[in-house]
Amino acid sequence: MDVSSDPFEALVLEALAEIPDEFRRHLDNVAIVIEDEPPAPWLGVYQGYTTRYRDLPGKRPDVIRFFRGPMLRSYGHDPELLAREVRRLVRHEVAHHFGISDARLIELDRY
């Protein structure tokens, strides 16, 4: 895990490190990007293919974008809450990488 001087980025990296190895090893072709503000009302977004396309030769990396601004405005008043919500968001977006839809996350009570 890289050490970051950005506290929000550090929370994202910590949350990624908590993902079990059996899943994290499948994130090697996923770019993790942290931006200040989203183009729509999002906290994070997964952009890419589902698992069935992950190993195609020459495939561009999937991207998971996390948006610092909305997360800090919503949860930054409480460091523990912010850390918990970053972990939840990281797991949510990683679930999309594995082909799990928002509807299924709602069914699983993980949305």
Protein backbone atom coordinates (compact mmCIF):
# COMPACT_ATOMS: atom_id res chain seq x y z
CA MET A 1 0.00 0.00 0.00
CA ASP A 2 1.34 3.44 -0.93
CA VAL A 3 1.47 6.09 1.74
CA SER A 4 -0.30 9.29 0.81
CA SER A 5 -0.06 12.83 2.17
CA ASP A 6 -3.72 13.33 1.18
CA PRO A 7 -5.90 12.11 4.09
CA PHE A 8 -8.82 11.22 1.78
CA GLU A 9 -6.57 9.24 -0.55
CA ALA A 10 -5.08 7.47 2.48
CA LEU A 11 -8.60 6.39 3.53
CA VAL A 12 -9.27 5.01 0.04
CA LEU A 13 -5.95 3.11 0.05
CA GLU A 14 -6.67 1.70 3.52
CA ALA A 15 -10.11 0.54 2.41
CA LEU A 16 -8.64 -1.12 -0.68
CA ALA A 17 -6.07 -2.89 1.49
CA GLU A 18 -8.92 -4.35 3.59
CA ILE A 19 -10.40 -6.15 0.58
CA PRO A 20 -9.60 -9.86 0.87
CA ASP A 21 -6.65 -11.01 -1.26
CA GLU A 22 -8.82 -13.40 -3.27
CA PHE A 23 -10.67 -10.36 -4.66
CA ARG A 24 -7.94 -7.71 -4.52
CA ARG A 25 -5.70 -9.73 -6.84
CA HIS A 26 -8.35 -9.22 -9.55
CA LEU A 27 -8.01 -5.44 -9.28
CA ASP A 28 -4.62 -5.30 -10.99
CA ASN A 29 -6.19 -3.91 -14.18
CA VAL A 30 -8.25 -1.27 -12.37
CA ALA A 31 -7.08 2.32 -12.18
CA ILE A 32 -8.05 4.02 -8.93
CA VAL A 33 -8.58 7.74 -9.48
CA ILE A 34 -9.41 10.36 -6.89
CA GLU A 35 -10.90 13.59 -8.15
CA ASP A 36 -12.20 16.64 -6.36
CA GLU A 37 -15.64 16.95 -7.93
CA PRO A 38 -17.86 14.63 -9.99
CA PRO A 39 -19.53 15.44 -13.32
CA ALA A 40 -22.85 14.26 -11.81
CA PRO A 41 -24.13 13.85 -8.25
CA TRP A 42 -21.89 10.88 -7.43
CA LEU A 43 -19.62 9.91 -4.57
CA GLY A 44 -17.84 7.37 -6.75
CA VAL A 45 -18.28 5.62 -10.07
CA TYR A 46 -17.06 2.42 -11.70
CA GLN A 47 -16.26 2.65 -15.41
CA GLY A 48 -15.34 -0.48 -17.27
CA TYR A 49 -16.22 -4.02 -18.11
CA THR A 50 -17.61 -6.75 -15.89
CA THR A 51 -15.52 -9.76 -14.87
CA ARG A 52 -16.13 -11.72 -18.07
CA TYR A 53 -13.98 -9.25 -20.05
CA ARG A 54 -11.28 -8.65 -17.46
CA ASP A 55 -8.57 -10.81 -19.03
CA LEU A 56 -8.91 -9.84 -22.69
CA PRO A 57 -5.51 -8.99 -24.20
CA GLY A 58 -5.03 -5.28 -24.86
CA LYS A 59 -8.05 -4.29 -22.80
CA ARG A 60 -7.86 -0.80 -21.35
CA PRO A 61 -7.98 -0.73 -17.57
CA ASP A 62 -11.26 -0.32 -15.79
CA VAL A 63 -11.45 2.84 -13.69
CA ILE A 64 -12.94 3.47 -10.28
CA ARG A 65 -13.27 7.17 -9.51
CA PHE A 66 -13.77 8.49 -6.00
CA PHE A 67 -14.86 12.09 -5.52
CA ARG A 68 -13.32 13.86 -2.56
CA GLY A 69 -15.58 16.95 -2.47
CA PRO A 70 -18.98 15.31 -1.95
CA MET A 71 -17.55 12.79 0.52
CA LEU A 72 -15.93 15.52 2.63
CA ARG A 73 -19.04 17.71 2.52
CA SER A 74 -21.29 14.81 3.52
CA TYR A 75 -19.12 13.03 6.08
CA GLY A 76 -16.02 15.14 6.75
CA HIS A 77 -17.42 16.61 9.95
CA ASP A 78 -16.80 13.25 11.68
CA PRO A 79 -13.50 11.44 10.91
CA GLU A 80 -14.84 8.04 11.98
CA LEU A 81 -17.97 8.44 9.87
CA LEU A 82 -15.87 9.55 6.90
CA ALA A 83 -13.60 6.49 7.23
CA ARG A 84 -16.63 4.18 7.49
CA GLU A 85 -18.33 5.73 4.45
CA VAL A 86 -15.12 5.60 2.39
CA ARG A 87 -14.84 1.86 3.20
CA ARG A 88 -18.48 1.37 2.20
CA LEU A 89 -17.99 3.30 -1.04
CA VAL A 90 -14.80 1.42 -1.95
CA ARG A 91 -16.55 -1.92 -1.44
CA HIS A 92 -19.56 -0.71 -3.42
CA GLU A 93 -17.51 0.35 -6.45
CA VAL A 94 -15.32 -2.77 -6.30
CA ALA A 95 -18.52 -4.86 -6.29
CA HIS A 96 -19.44 -3.23 -9.60
CA HIS A 97 -16.10 -4.39 -11.00
CA PHE A 98 -17.21 -7.94 -10.22
CA GLY A 99 -20.50 -7.41 -12.05
CA ILE A 100 -22.74 -6.80 -9.03
CA SER A 101 -25.44 -4.27 -9.89
CA ASP A 102 -26.94 -1.59 -7.67
CA ALA A 103 -30.17 -3.63 -7.61
CA ARG A 104 -28.32 -6.69 -6.30
CA LEU A 105 -26.45 -4.59 -3.73
CA ILE A 106 -29.83 -3.33 -2.51
CA GLU A 107 -31.09 -6.93 -2.28
CA LEU A 108 -28.00 -7.82 -0.24
CA ASP A 109 -28.53 -4.75 1.96
CA ARG A 110 -25.08 -3.50 0.90
CA TYR A 111 -26.05 -0.39 -1.05
